[in-house]
Amino acid sequence: MRRPLFLTSVFIGTLVALANAQTKPLKIPVKLTAGTASLNNTVRGYATHDYILSAHQGQTMTVKLTSKSSFVYFVPLFADTGLGITDPPQSDLTEWEGALPKTSKYIIRVYLVRAEARRKGVAKYTLSIKLTGAVETSYRCSEGVNVLASIDPANTESAKITVDGSTFNLPRVESASGAKYSDGKITFWSKGSESLFERDGKTYKCSAQK
């Protein structure tokens, strides 16, 4: 980590915005594979790159920026407010790891320091992002059945399903669509916006709770 700068969240958001006021951030959606992504890019002058991804409360995010340039950094932000998420607040980072405080969209903003941006500097870099930890989703099913599904995006070969105080570890099984987990007695099947829970030969339609 180079030159950590401890500031308030509001000041960090203002500082980065002022440093890059001449251009709007380039928005880049991040698609994670098994919970990870490695992205190569080049930042020039006052340009900023906003890498946008969704994550869940309690997951751990690990970010690493590597470059031959010593003038390129990142700051992690809440997408909805634009404020820094680190505690204590920091900018000018090349490495960061922390537990996420809420289910939300997040931004990893990559930029050149102000002096280098004024010099119209150019920096090639690689940004590595990793999310670890299971994602828990509550489902309300027909006939008043409540299901809590816990699935680790980095290992989707099993799911932990909790129903009526009982927990079942279900292996993933082959399905024509969606993600299906079953031990032969208990089945949880997520197909896009639709989810099904099966127990004792009975099927319940479920919807995720926000």
N, C-alpha and C. Protein backbone atom coordinates (compact mmCIF):
# COMPACT_ATOMS: atom_id res chain seq x y z
N MET A 1 0.85 -1.18 0.00
CA MET A 1 0.00 0.00 0.00
C MET A 1 0.88 1.22 0.00
N ARG A 2 0.61 2.22 -0.91
CA ARG A 2 1.45 3.39 -0.99
C ARG A 2 0.70 4.61 -0.49
N ARG A 3 1.30 5.39 0.34
CA ARG A 3 0.83 6.67 0.79
C ARG A 3 -0.64 6.69 1.16
N PRO A 4 -1.08 5.90 2.20
CA PRO A 4 -2.48 5.98 2.61
C PRO A 4 -2.80 7.37 3.12
N LEU A 5 -3.94 7.91 2.72
CA LEU A 5 -4.35 9.24 3.11
C LEU A 5 -5.64 9.14 3.90
N PHE A 6 -5.60 9.51 5.18
CA PHE A 6 -6.74 9.36 6.06
C PHE A 6 -7.54 10.67 6.08
N LEU A 7 -8.76 10.59 5.56
CA LEU A 7 -9.61 11.75 5.44
C LEU A 7 -11.04 11.37 5.77
N THR A 8 -11.93 12.34 5.80
CA THR A 8 -13.34 12.01 5.94
C THR A 8 -13.87 11.49 4.62
N SER A 9 -14.98 10.71 4.69
CA SER A 9 -15.55 10.17 3.46
C SER A 9 -15.99 11.28 2.52
N VAL A 10 -16.57 12.33 3.08
CA VAL A 10 -17.05 13.42 2.24
C VAL A 10 -15.88 14.10 1.54
N PHE A 11 -14.78 14.33 2.26
CA PHE A 11 -13.64 15.01 1.67
C PHE A 11 -12.98 14.15 0.59
N ILE A 12 -12.93 12.83 0.82
CA ILE A 12 -12.36 11.95 -0.20
C ILE A 12 -13.16 12.05 -1.50
N GLY A 13 -14.51 11.98 -1.37
CA GLY A 13 -15.33 12.09 -2.57
C GLY A 13 -15.09 13.41 -3.27
N THR A 14 -14.96 14.51 -2.51
CA THR A 14 -14.71 15.82 -3.10
C THR A 14 -13.34 15.88 -3.75
N LEU A 15 -12.32 15.33 -3.06
CA LEU A 15 -10.96 15.37 -3.57
C LEU A 15 -10.83 14.67 -4.91
N VAL A 16 -11.38 13.45 -5.00
CA VAL A 16 -11.28 12.70 -6.25
C VAL A 16 -12.08 13.38 -7.35
N ALA A 17 -13.25 13.93 -7.00
CA ALA A 17 -14.06 14.62 -7.99
C ALA A 17 -13.34 15.85 -8.55
N LEU A 18 -12.73 16.63 -7.67
CA LEU A 18 -12.01 17.82 -8.11
C LEU A 18 -10.81 17.47 -8.98
N ALA A 19 -10.09 16.41 -8.57
CA ALA A 19 -8.88 16.02 -9.31
C ALA A 19 -9.20 15.57 -10.72
N ASN A 20 -10.45 15.12 -10.93
CA ASN A 20 -10.80 14.57 -12.24
C ASN A 20 -12.00 15.30 -12.85
N ALA A 21 -12.10 16.59 -12.52
CA ALA A 21 -13.28 17.35 -12.91
C ALA A 21 -13.40 17.54 -14.41
N GLN A 22 -12.32 17.37 -15.15
CA GLN A 22 -12.36 17.67 -16.57
C GLN A 22 -13.04 16.58 -17.39
N THR A 23 -13.21 15.39 -16.84
CA THR A 23 -13.85 14.32 -17.58
C THR A 23 -14.82 13.57 -16.67
N LYS A 24 -15.84 12.99 -17.30
CA LYS A 24 -16.74 12.13 -16.55
C LYS A 24 -16.11 10.75 -16.45
N PRO A 25 -16.30 10.05 -15.32
CA PRO A 25 -15.73 8.71 -15.18
C PRO A 25 -16.25 7.76 -16.25
N LEU A 26 -15.38 6.92 -16.75
CA LEU A 26 -15.78 5.86 -17.67
C LEU A 26 -16.34 4.71 -16.83
N LYS A 27 -17.60 4.39 -17.02
CA LYS A 27 -18.26 3.35 -16.23
C LYS A 27 -18.02 1.98 -16.86
N ILE A 28 -17.48 1.06 -16.06
CA ILE A 28 -17.11 -0.27 -16.56
C ILE A 28 -17.74 -1.33 -15.66
N PRO A 29 -18.80 -2.01 -16.13
CA PRO A 29 -19.39 -3.08 -15.32
C PRO A 29 -18.40 -4.23 -15.14
N VAL A 30 -18.37 -4.80 -13.95
CA VAL A 30 -17.45 -5.90 -13.64
C VAL A 30 -18.24 -7.20 -13.56
N LYS A 31 -17.81 -8.19 -14.32
CA LYS A 31 -18.39 -9.52 -14.26
C LYS A 31 -17.39 -10.44 -13.57
N LEU A 32 -17.79 -10.98 -12.43
CA LEU A 32 -16.92 -11.87 -11.66
C LEU A 32 -17.11 -13.31 -12.12
N THR A 33 -16.02 -14.04 -12.21
CA THR A 33 -16.05 -15.47 -12.48
C THR A 33 -15.50 -16.19 -11.26
N ALA A 34 -16.35 -17.01 -10.63
CA ALA A 34 -15.96 -17.68 -9.38
C ALA A 34 -15.49 -16.66 -8.34
N GLY A 35 -16.14 -15.49 -8.34
CA GLY A 35 -15.85 -14.47 -7.35
C GLY A 35 -14.65 -13.60 -7.62
N THR A 36 -14.03 -13.73 -8.81
CA THR A 36 -12.82 -12.94 -9.10
C THR A 36 -12.90 -12.29 -10.49
N ALA A 37 -12.10 -11.23 -10.65
CA ALA A 37 -11.96 -10.58 -11.95
C ALA A 37 -10.58 -9.94 -12.03
N SER A 38 -9.97 -9.99 -13.21
CA SER A 38 -8.69 -9.34 -13.45
C SER A 38 -8.85 -8.50 -14.71
N LEU A 39 -8.63 -7.18 -14.57
CA LEU A 39 -8.95 -6.26 -15.65
C LEU A 39 -7.73 -5.42 -16.01
N ASN A 40 -7.39 -5.41 -17.29
CA ASN A 40 -6.26 -4.62 -17.80
C ASN A 40 -6.78 -3.38 -18.51
N ASN A 41 -6.15 -2.25 -18.25
CA ASN A 41 -6.61 -1.02 -18.88
C ASN A 41 -5.50 0.02 -18.85
N THR A 42 -5.77 1.17 -19.47
CA THR A 42 -4.83 2.29 -19.49
C THR A 42 -5.58 3.56 -19.13
N VAL A 43 -5.06 4.31 -18.18
CA VAL A 43 -5.69 5.57 -17.78
C VAL A 43 -4.79 6.72 -18.23
N ARG A 44 -5.42 7.80 -18.72
CA ARG A 44 -4.68 8.93 -19.29
C ARG A 44 -5.17 10.24 -18.68
N GLY A 45 -4.23 11.10 -18.31
CA GLY A 45 -4.56 12.45 -17.86
C GLY A 45 -5.60 12.47 -16.76
N TYR A 46 -6.63 13.29 -16.96
CA TYR A 46 -7.66 13.45 -15.94
C TYR A 46 -8.76 12.38 -16.04
N ALA A 47 -8.63 11.42 -16.92
CA ALA A 47 -9.64 10.36 -17.03
C ALA A 47 -9.69 9.54 -15.75
N THR A 48 -10.87 9.04 -15.44
CA THR A 48 -11.03 8.10 -14.33
C THR A 48 -11.84 6.91 -14.82
N HIS A 49 -11.54 5.75 -14.26
CA HIS A 49 -12.25 4.52 -14.61
C HIS A 49 -13.03 4.04 -13.39
N ASP A 50 -14.35 3.94 -13.53
CA ASP A 50 -15.21 3.47 -12.45
C ASP A 50 -15.63 2.02 -12.73
N TYR A 51 -15.07 1.10 -11.96
CA TYR A 51 -15.44 -0.32 -12.08
C TYR A 51 -16.60 -0.57 -11.12
N ILE A 52 -17.72 -1.02 -11.68
CA ILE A 52 -18.97 -1.13 -10.91
C ILE A 52 -19.33 -2.60 -10.74
N LEU A 53 -19.60 -2.99 -9.49
CA LEU A 53 -20.01 -4.37 -9.21
C LEU A 53 -20.97 -4.41 -8.05
N SER A 54 -21.77 -5.46 -8.02
CA SER A 54 -22.71 -5.68 -6.92
C SER A 54 -22.11 -6.67 -5.94
N ALA A 55 -22.34 -6.42 -4.64
CA ALA A 55 -21.85 -7.33 -3.61
C ALA A 55 -22.81 -7.31 -2.43
N HIS A 56 -22.66 -8.30 -1.55
CA HIS A 56 -23.60 -8.46 -0.45
C HIS A 56 -22.94 -8.14 0.89
N GLN A 57 -23.78 -7.70 1.81
CA GLN A 57 -23.32 -7.39 3.16
C GLN A 57 -22.61 -8.60 3.77
N GLY A 58 -21.46 -8.33 4.39
CA GLY A 58 -20.71 -9.39 5.04
C GLY A 58 -19.68 -10.06 4.16
N GLN A 59 -19.80 -9.89 2.84
CA GLN A 59 -18.76 -10.43 1.97
C GLN A 59 -17.47 -9.62 2.15
N THR A 60 -16.35 -10.26 1.86
CA THR A 60 -15.06 -9.57 1.91
C THR A 60 -14.61 -9.25 0.50
N MET A 61 -14.27 -7.97 0.29
CA MET A 61 -13.76 -7.55 -1.00
C MET A 61 -12.25 -7.32 -0.89
N THR A 62 -11.50 -7.87 -1.84
CA THR A 62 -10.06 -7.67 -1.90
C THR A 62 -9.74 -7.04 -3.25
N VAL A 63 -9.02 -5.92 -3.22
CA VAL A 63 -8.69 -5.20 -4.45
C VAL A 63 -7.19 -4.95 -4.49
N LYS A 64 -6.58 -5.20 -5.65
CA LYS A 64 -5.15 -4.94 -5.82
C LYS A 64 -4.93 -4.29 -7.18
N LEU A 65 -4.16 -3.20 -7.18
CA LEU A 65 -3.81 -2.48 -8.39
C LEU A 65 -2.31 -2.60 -8.63
N THR A 66 -1.93 -3.12 -9.80
CA THR A 66 -0.50 -3.24 -10.12
C THR A 66 -0.21 -2.45 -11.39
N SER A 67 0.93 -1.74 -11.39
CA SER A 67 1.31 -0.92 -12.52
C SER A 67 2.80 -0.57 -12.41
N LYS A 68 3.43 -0.36 -13.55
CA LYS A 68 4.80 0.14 -13.54
C LYS A 68 4.85 1.61 -13.12
N SER A 69 3.70 2.29 -13.27
CA SER A 69 3.61 3.69 -12.87
C SER A 69 3.41 3.78 -11.35
N SER A 70 4.02 4.78 -10.75
CA SER A 70 3.84 5.03 -9.32
C SER A 70 2.83 6.15 -9.08
N PHE A 71 2.06 6.51 -10.13
CA PHE A 71 1.12 7.63 -10.02
C PHE A 71 -0.34 7.21 -10.15
N VAL A 72 -0.60 5.91 -10.28
CA VAL A 72 -1.97 5.46 -10.48
C VAL A 72 -2.46 4.76 -9.21
N TYR A 73 -3.68 5.12 -8.80
CA TYR A 73 -4.25 4.62 -7.54
C TYR A 73 -5.74 4.34 -7.73
N PHE A 74 -6.35 3.81 -6.67
CA PHE A 74 -7.80 3.62 -6.67
C PHE A 74 -8.38 4.05 -5.33
N VAL A 75 -9.70 4.25 -5.33
CA VAL A 75 -10.44 4.48 -4.10
C VAL A 75 -11.74 3.68 -4.20
N PRO A 76 -12.13 2.91 -3.17
CA PRO A 76 -13.40 2.17 -3.19
C PRO A 76 -14.52 3.08 -2.67
N LEU A 77 -15.65 3.08 -3.40
CA LEU A 77 -16.76 3.99 -3.10
C LEU A 77 -18.08 3.25 -3.08
N PHE A 78 -19.05 3.81 -2.34
CA PHE A 78 -20.44 3.39 -2.48
C PHE A 78 -20.97 3.97 -3.79
N ALA A 79 -21.62 3.14 -4.62
CA ALA A 79 -22.12 3.63 -5.90
C ALA A 79 -23.28 4.61 -5.70
N ASP A 80 -24.08 4.41 -4.66
CA ASP A 80 -25.27 5.25 -4.49
C ASP A 80 -24.95 6.63 -3.95
N THR A 81 -23.87 6.77 -3.16
CA THR A 81 -23.55 8.06 -2.56
C THR A 81 -22.25 8.67 -3.08
N GLY A 82 -21.37 7.83 -3.65
CA GLY A 82 -20.07 8.31 -4.09
C GLY A 82 -19.09 8.54 -2.97
N LEU A 83 -19.43 8.12 -1.75
CA LEU A 83 -18.55 8.30 -0.60
C LEU A 83 -17.64 7.09 -0.42
N GLY A 84 -16.50 7.31 0.22
CA GLY A 84 -15.56 6.22 0.47
C GLY A 84 -16.10 5.21 1.46
N ILE A 85 -15.73 3.94 1.29
CA ILE A 85 -16.26 2.87 2.14
C ILE A 85 -15.25 2.38 3.17
N THR A 86 -14.00 2.85 3.09
CA THR A 86 -12.99 2.35 4.02
C THR A 86 -13.16 2.99 5.39
N ASP A 87 -12.71 2.30 6.42
CA ASP A 87 -12.80 2.79 7.78
C ASP A 87 -11.47 2.53 8.48
N PRO A 88 -10.66 3.58 8.79
CA PRO A 88 -10.94 4.99 8.49
C PRO A 88 -10.84 5.26 7.00
N PRO A 89 -11.48 6.34 6.52
CA PRO A 89 -11.50 6.63 5.09
C PRO A 89 -10.09 6.80 4.52
N GLN A 90 -9.88 6.28 3.32
CA GLN A 90 -8.58 6.35 2.66
C GLN A 90 -8.77 6.56 1.17
N SER A 91 -7.77 7.16 0.54
CA SER A 91 -7.68 7.20 -0.92
C SER A 91 -6.23 6.89 -1.28
N ASP A 92 -5.88 7.03 -2.57
CA ASP A 92 -4.52 6.74 -3.04
C ASP A 92 -4.07 5.35 -2.61
N LEU A 93 -4.90 4.35 -2.91
CA LEU A 93 -4.62 2.97 -2.53
C LEU A 93 -4.11 2.17 -3.72
N THR A 94 -3.29 1.16 -3.43
CA THR A 94 -2.95 0.14 -4.42
C THR A 94 -3.38 -1.24 -3.95
N GLU A 95 -3.70 -1.38 -2.65
CA GLU A 95 -4.22 -2.64 -2.11
C GLU A 95 -5.23 -2.30 -1.03
N TRP A 96 -6.30 -3.11 -0.98
CA TRP A 96 -7.30 -2.93 0.08
C TRP A 96 -8.11 -4.20 0.25
N GLU A 97 -8.47 -4.49 1.49
CA GLU A 97 -9.34 -5.63 1.79
C GLU A 97 -10.25 -5.23 2.95
N GLY A 98 -11.53 -5.56 2.84
CA GLY A 98 -12.44 -5.22 3.93
C GLY A 98 -13.78 -5.90 3.78
N ALA A 99 -14.49 -6.04 4.91
CA ALA A 99 -15.85 -6.58 4.92
C ALA A 99 -16.83 -5.50 4.48
N LEU A 100 -17.76 -5.85 3.63
CA LEU A 100 -18.70 -4.87 3.08
C LEU A 100 -19.87 -4.65 4.03
N PRO A 101 -20.23 -3.39 4.27
CA PRO A 101 -21.23 -3.08 5.30
C PRO A 101 -22.67 -3.26 4.88
N LYS A 102 -22.92 -3.36 3.56
CA LYS A 102 -24.31 -3.49 3.13
C LYS A 102 -24.36 -4.12 1.73
N THR A 103 -25.54 -4.65 1.40
CA THR A 103 -25.77 -5.17 0.05
C THR A 103 -26.02 -3.98 -0.86
N SER A 104 -25.16 -3.82 -1.85
CA SER A 104 -25.20 -2.59 -2.64
C SER A 104 -24.35 -2.75 -3.89
N LYS A 105 -24.38 -1.73 -4.74
CA LYS A 105 -23.41 -1.62 -5.82
C LYS A 105 -22.22 -0.81 -5.31
N TYR A 106 -21.03 -1.20 -5.73
CA TYR A 106 -19.81 -0.54 -5.31
C TYR A 106 -19.01 -0.10 -6.53
N ILE A 107 -18.19 0.92 -6.34
CA ILE A 107 -17.32 1.43 -7.39
C ILE A 107 -15.87 1.34 -6.93
N ILE A 108 -15.02 0.82 -7.79
CA ILE A 108 -13.57 0.94 -7.59
C ILE A 108 -13.10 1.96 -8.62
N ARG A 109 -12.73 3.15 -8.15
CA ARG A 109 -12.36 4.25 -9.05
C ARG A 109 -10.85 4.31 -9.20
N VAL A 110 -10.37 4.17 -10.44
CA VAL A 110 -8.94 4.22 -10.75
C VAL A 110 -8.62 5.57 -11.38
N TYR A 111 -7.52 6.18 -10.95
CA TYR A 111 -7.20 7.53 -11.43
C TYR A 111 -5.70 7.79 -11.28
N LEU A 112 -5.23 8.81 -11.96
CA LEU A 112 -3.86 9.30 -11.79
C LEU A 112 -3.87 10.43 -10.75
N VAL A 113 -2.79 10.53 -9.99
CA VAL A 113 -2.69 11.63 -9.04
C VAL A 113 -2.72 12.95 -9.81
N ARG A 114 -3.13 13.99 -9.13
CA ARG A 114 -3.42 15.26 -9.80
C ARG A 114 -2.22 15.80 -10.59
N ALA A 115 -1.03 15.76 -9.99
CA ALA A 115 0.15 16.32 -10.68
C ALA A 115 0.42 15.56 -11.97
N GLU A 116 0.29 14.22 -11.94
CA GLU A 116 0.52 13.42 -13.14
C GLU A 116 -0.58 13.64 -14.17
N ALA A 117 -1.82 13.84 -13.70
CA ALA A 117 -2.91 14.13 -14.62
C ALA A 117 -2.67 15.44 -15.36
N ARG A 118 -2.16 16.45 -14.63
CA ARG A 118 -1.84 17.74 -15.27
C ARG A 118 -0.77 17.58 -16.34
N ARG A 119 0.15 16.64 -16.11
CA ARG A 119 1.22 16.39 -17.08
C ARG A 119 0.76 15.52 -18.25
N LYS A 120 -0.54 15.19 -18.25
CA LYS A 120 -1.13 14.32 -19.27
C LYS A 120 -0.43 12.96 -19.29
N GLY A 121 -0.18 12.44 -18.08
CA GLY A 121 0.49 11.15 -17.94
C GLY A 121 -0.37 10.00 -18.43
N VAL A 122 0.27 8.88 -18.67
CA VAL A 122 -0.40 7.65 -19.12
C VAL A 122 0.11 6.49 -18.27
N ALA A 123 -0.80 5.62 -17.83
CA ALA A 123 -0.39 4.48 -17.02
C ALA A 123 -1.20 3.24 -17.38
N LYS A 124 -0.50 2.18 -17.74
CA LYS A 124 -1.13 0.89 -17.90
C LYS A 124 -1.22 0.22 -16.53
N TYR A 125 -2.31 -0.53 -16.32
CA TYR A 125 -2.47 -1.15 -15.00
C TYR A 125 -3.31 -2.42 -15.11
N THR A 126 -3.23 -3.23 -14.07
CA THR A 126 -4.10 -4.39 -13.89
C THR A 126 -4.82 -4.24 -12.56
N LEU A 127 -6.14 -4.33 -12.60
CA LEU A 127 -6.96 -4.25 -11.39
C LEU A 127 -7.53 -5.63 -11.10
N SER A 128 -7.21 -6.17 -9.93
CA SER A 128 -7.72 -7.49 -9.51
C SER A 128 -8.74 -7.30 -8.40
N ILE A 129 -9.91 -7.91 -8.57
CA ILE A 129 -10.99 -7.81 -7.58
C ILE A 129 -11.43 -9.21 -7.21
N LYS A 130 -11.60 -9.43 -5.91
CA LYS A 130 -12.04 -10.73 -5.43
C LYS A 130 -13.10 -10.55 -4.35
N LEU A 131 -14.18 -11.33 -4.46
CA LEU A 131 -15.22 -11.35 -3.43
C LEU A 131 -15.26 -12.74 -2.81
N THR A 132 -15.20 -12.80 -1.50
CA THR A 132 -15.28 -14.08 -0.80
C THR A 132 -16.37 -14.02 0.25
N GLY A 133 -16.86 -15.18 0.62
CA GLY A 133 -17.92 -15.26 1.62
C GLY A 133 -19.25 -15.59 0.98
N ALA A 134 -20.05 -16.34 1.69
CA ALA A 134 -21.34 -16.77 1.17
C ALA A 134 -22.34 -15.62 1.11
N VAL A 135 -23.21 -15.68 0.12
CA VAL A 135 -24.31 -14.73 -0.02
C VAL A 135 -25.57 -15.38 0.54
N GLU A 136 -26.18 -14.71 1.51
CA GLU A 136 -27.40 -15.23 2.12
C GLU A 136 -28.62 -14.50 1.55
N THR A 137 -29.59 -15.27 1.11
CA THR A 137 -30.83 -14.70 0.56
C THR A 137 -32.02 -15.36 1.24
N SER A 138 -32.94 -14.52 1.74
CA SER A 138 -34.16 -15.03 2.37
C SER A 138 -35.27 -15.13 1.33
N TYR A 139 -35.98 -16.25 1.36
CA TYR A 139 -37.09 -16.47 0.44
C TYR A 139 -38.37 -16.70 1.23
N ARG A 140 -39.45 -16.10 0.75
CA ARG A 140 -40.78 -16.38 1.29
C ARG A 140 -41.50 -17.26 0.29
N CYS A 141 -41.92 -18.42 0.74
CA CYS A 141 -42.52 -19.41 -0.15
C CYS A 141 -44.01 -19.58 0.14
N SER A 142 -44.67 -20.26 -0.76
CA SER A 142 -46.10 -20.51 -0.58
C SER A 142 -46.36 -21.30 0.70
N GLU A 143 -47.56 -21.13 1.24
CA GLU A 143 -48.01 -21.79 2.48
C GLU A 143 -47.17 -21.38 3.69
N GLY A 144 -46.59 -20.17 3.63
CA GLY A 144 -45.90 -19.62 4.79
C GLY A 144 -44.54 -20.23 5.09
N VAL A 145 -43.96 -20.93 4.13
CA VAL A 145 -42.64 -21.54 4.33
C VAL A 145 -41.56 -20.49 4.05
N ASN A 146 -40.59 -20.37 4.98
CA ASN A 146 -39.48 -19.43 4.82
C ASN A 146 -38.18 -20.21 4.63
N VAL A 147 -37.40 -19.82 3.63
CA VAL A 147 -36.16 -20.50 3.29
C VAL A 147 -35.02 -19.49 3.29
N LEU A 148 -33.91 -19.85 3.92
CA LEU A 148 -32.69 -19.04 3.87
C LEU A 148 -31.66 -19.84 3.08
N ALA A 149 -31.22 -19.29 1.93
CA ALA A 149 -30.24 -19.96 1.09
C ALA A 149 -28.91 -19.23 1.20
N SER A 150 -27.85 -20.00 1.47
CA SER A 150 -26.50 -19.44 1.60
C SER A 150 -25.60 -20.11 0.57
N ILE A 151 -25.10 -19.29 -0.39
CA ILE A 151 -24.29 -19.82 -1.49
C ILE A 151 -23.05 -18.96 -1.65
N ASP A 152 -21.89 -19.60 -1.72
CA ASP A 152 -20.63 -18.89 -1.93
C ASP A 152 -20.40 -18.73 -3.42
N PRO A 153 -20.34 -17.48 -3.94
CA PRO A 153 -20.13 -17.29 -5.39
C PRO A 153 -18.84 -17.92 -5.91
N ALA A 154 -17.86 -18.09 -5.01
CA ALA A 154 -16.59 -18.69 -5.42
C ALA A 154 -16.67 -20.21 -5.46
N ASN A 155 -17.74 -20.78 -4.90
CA ASN A 155 -17.91 -22.23 -4.89
C ASN A 155 -19.40 -22.55 -4.94
N THR A 156 -19.93 -22.59 -6.14
CA THR A 156 -21.37 -22.79 -6.30
C THR A 156 -21.76 -24.26 -6.40
N GLU A 157 -20.85 -25.15 -6.04
CA GLU A 157 -21.13 -26.58 -6.13
C GLU A 157 -21.94 -27.10 -4.95
N SER A 158 -22.24 -26.25 -3.98
CA SER A 158 -23.08 -26.66 -2.85
C SER A 158 -23.80 -25.44 -2.31
N ALA A 159 -24.87 -25.67 -1.58
CA ALA A 159 -25.64 -24.59 -0.96
C ALA A 159 -26.10 -25.04 0.42
N LYS A 160 -26.12 -24.08 1.34
CA LYS A 160 -26.65 -24.35 2.68
C LYS A 160 -28.05 -23.78 2.75
N ILE A 161 -29.02 -24.64 3.00
CA ILE A 161 -30.42 -24.25 3.03
C ILE A 161 -30.96 -24.43 4.44
N THR A 162 -31.56 -23.37 4.99
CA THR A 162 -32.13 -23.44 6.33
C THR A 162 -33.64 -23.25 6.24
N VAL A 163 -34.38 -24.23 6.78
CA VAL A 163 -35.84 -24.21 6.77
C VAL A 163 -36.35 -24.63 8.14
N ASP A 164 -37.20 -23.80 8.75
CA ASP A 164 -37.81 -24.13 10.04
C ASP A 164 -36.77 -24.53 11.08
N GLY A 165 -35.64 -23.83 11.08
CA GLY A 165 -34.61 -24.09 12.07
C GLY A 165 -33.69 -25.25 11.75
N SER A 166 -33.96 -25.96 10.68
CA SER A 166 -33.10 -27.09 10.27
C SER A 166 -32.26 -26.67 9.06
N THR A 167 -30.98 -27.06 9.07
CA THR A 167 -30.05 -26.69 8.00
C THR A 167 -29.63 -27.91 7.21
N PHE A 168 -29.61 -27.77 5.89
CA PHE A 168 -29.26 -28.86 4.99
C PHE A 168 -28.16 -28.38 4.04
N ASN A 169 -27.11 -29.17 3.90
CA ASN A 169 -26.05 -28.89 2.93
C ASN A 169 -26.33 -29.70 1.68
N LEU A 170 -26.71 -29.00 0.61
CA LEU A 170 -27.17 -29.66 -0.61
C LEU A 170 -26.14 -29.53 -1.72
N PRO A 171 -25.80 -30.63 -2.37
CA PRO A 171 -24.88 -30.55 -3.52
C PRO A 171 -25.61 -30.05 -4.75
N ARG A 172 -24.87 -29.41 -5.64
CA ARG A 172 -25.47 -28.96 -6.89
C ARG A 172 -25.66 -30.15 -7.81
N VAL A 173 -26.80 -30.20 -8.48
CA VAL A 173 -27.10 -31.30 -9.40
C VAL A 173 -27.41 -30.71 -10.77
N GLU A 174 -27.34 -31.55 -11.78
CA GLU A 174 -27.56 -31.11 -13.15
C GLU A 174 -29.00 -30.66 -13.34
N SER A 175 -29.17 -29.57 -14.09
CA SER A 175 -30.52 -29.08 -14.39
C SER A 175 -30.52 -28.46 -15.77
N ALA A 176 -31.70 -28.43 -16.38
CA ALA A 176 -31.83 -27.85 -17.72
C ALA A 176 -31.65 -26.35 -17.70
N SER A 177 -31.98 -25.72 -16.58
CA SER A 177 -31.84 -24.28 -16.45
C SER A 177 -31.68 -23.92 -14.98
N GLY A 178 -31.06 -22.79 -14.72
CA GLY A 178 -30.91 -22.32 -13.35
C GLY A 178 -29.90 -23.13 -12.54
N ALA A 179 -29.92 -22.90 -11.23
CA ALA A 179 -29.03 -23.62 -10.30
C ALA A 179 -29.89 -24.47 -9.38
N LYS A 180 -29.65 -25.77 -9.41
CA LYS A 180 -30.45 -26.72 -8.65
C LYS A 180 -29.59 -27.46 -7.65
N TYR A 181 -30.05 -27.51 -6.40
CA TYR A 181 -29.32 -28.18 -5.32
C TYR A 181 -30.26 -29.20 -4.67
N SER A 182 -29.77 -30.43 -4.49
CA SER A 182 -30.65 -31.46 -3.96
C SER A 182 -29.86 -32.61 -3.33
N ASP A 183 -30.40 -33.16 -2.24
CA ASP A 183 -29.84 -34.37 -1.65
C ASP A 183 -30.77 -35.56 -1.85
N GLY A 184 -31.77 -35.38 -2.73
CA GLY A 184 -32.74 -36.44 -3.00
C GLY A 184 -34.00 -36.31 -2.17
N LYS A 185 -33.90 -35.60 -1.04
CA LYS A 185 -35.08 -35.39 -0.19
C LYS A 185 -35.48 -33.92 -0.15
N ILE A 186 -34.48 -33.06 -0.10
CA ILE A 186 -34.69 -31.62 -0.08
C ILE A 186 -34.11 -31.04 -1.36
N THR A 187 -34.87 -30.17 -2.03
CA THR A 187 -34.40 -29.55 -3.27
C THR A 187 -34.66 -28.05 -3.24
N PHE A 188 -33.65 -27.29 -3.64
CA PHE A 188 -33.83 -25.86 -3.85
C PHE A 188 -33.38 -25.55 -5.27
N TRP A 189 -34.24 -24.87 -6.02
CA TRP A 189 -33.99 -24.65 -7.43
C TRP A 189 -34.25 -23.18 -7.76
N SER A 190 -33.20 -22.47 -8.16
CA SER A 190 -33.31 -21.06 -8.52
C SER A 190 -33.21 -20.93 -10.03
N LYS A 191 -34.25 -20.37 -10.65
CA LYS A 191 -34.30 -20.22 -12.11
C LYS A 191 -34.64 -18.77 -12.43
N GLY A 192 -33.60 -17.94 -12.57
CA GLY A 192 -33.84 -16.53 -12.86
C GLY A 192 -34.55 -15.86 -11.70
N SER A 193 -35.71 -15.26 -11.98
CA SER A 193 -36.48 -14.59 -10.93
C SER A 193 -37.37 -15.55 -10.16
N GLU A 194 -37.40 -16.81 -10.58
CA GLU A 194 -38.27 -17.80 -9.95
C GLU A 194 -37.45 -18.81 -9.16
N SER A 195 -37.94 -19.18 -7.97
CA SER A 195 -37.27 -20.19 -7.14
C SER A 195 -38.30 -21.18 -6.63
N LEU A 196 -37.85 -22.43 -6.50
CA LEU A 196 -38.72 -23.49 -6.01
C LEU A 196 -38.04 -24.21 -4.86
N PHE A 197 -38.84 -24.60 -3.87
CA PHE A 197 -38.36 -25.41 -2.76
C PHE A 197 -39.22 -26.67 -2.70
N GLU A 198 -38.55 -27.83 -2.63
CA GLU A 198 -39.27 -29.10 -2.62
C GLU A 198 -38.91 -29.90 -1.37
N ARG A 199 -39.95 -30.43 -0.70
CA ARG A 199 -39.74 -31.23 0.50
C ARG A 199 -40.92 -32.18 0.67
N ASP A 200 -40.62 -33.43 0.99
CA ASP A 200 -41.67 -34.44 1.20
C ASP A 200 -42.62 -34.54 0.02
N GLY A 201 -42.06 -34.44 -1.18
CA GLY A 201 -42.87 -34.59 -2.39
C GLY A 201 -43.73 -33.40 -2.72
N LYS A 202 -43.55 -32.30 -1.98
CA LYS A 202 -44.36 -31.12 -2.21
C LYS A 202 -43.49 -29.97 -2.71
N THR A 203 -44.02 -29.18 -3.64
CA THR A 203 -43.25 -28.07 -4.23
C THR A 203 -43.86 -26.74 -3.80
N TYR A 204 -42.99 -25.82 -3.37
CA TYR A 204 -43.41 -24.48 -2.94
C TYR A 204 -42.76 -23.45 -3.85
N LYS A 205 -43.55 -22.50 -4.33
CA LYS A 205 -43.01 -21.39 -5.10
C LYS A 205 -42.50 -20.32 -4.15
N CYS A 206 -41.30 -19.78 -4.46
CA CYS A 206 -40.65 -18.86 -3.53
C CYS A 206 -40.25 -17.56 -4.24
N SER A 207 -40.19 -16.49 -3.46
CA SER A 207 -39.71 -15.20 -3.97
C SER A 207 -38.72 -14.63 -2.98
N ALA A 208 -37.62 -14.04 -3.52
CA ALA A 208 -36.58 -13.47 -2.68
C ALA A 208 -37.09 -12.22 -1.98
N GLN A 209 -36.69 -12.05 -0.72
CA GLN A 209 -37.07 -10.87 0.07
C GLN A 209 -35.94 -9.87 0.06
N LYS A 210 -36.24 -8.61 -0.20
CA LYS A 210 -35.24 -7.55 -0.23
C LYS A 210 -34.96 -7.07 1.18
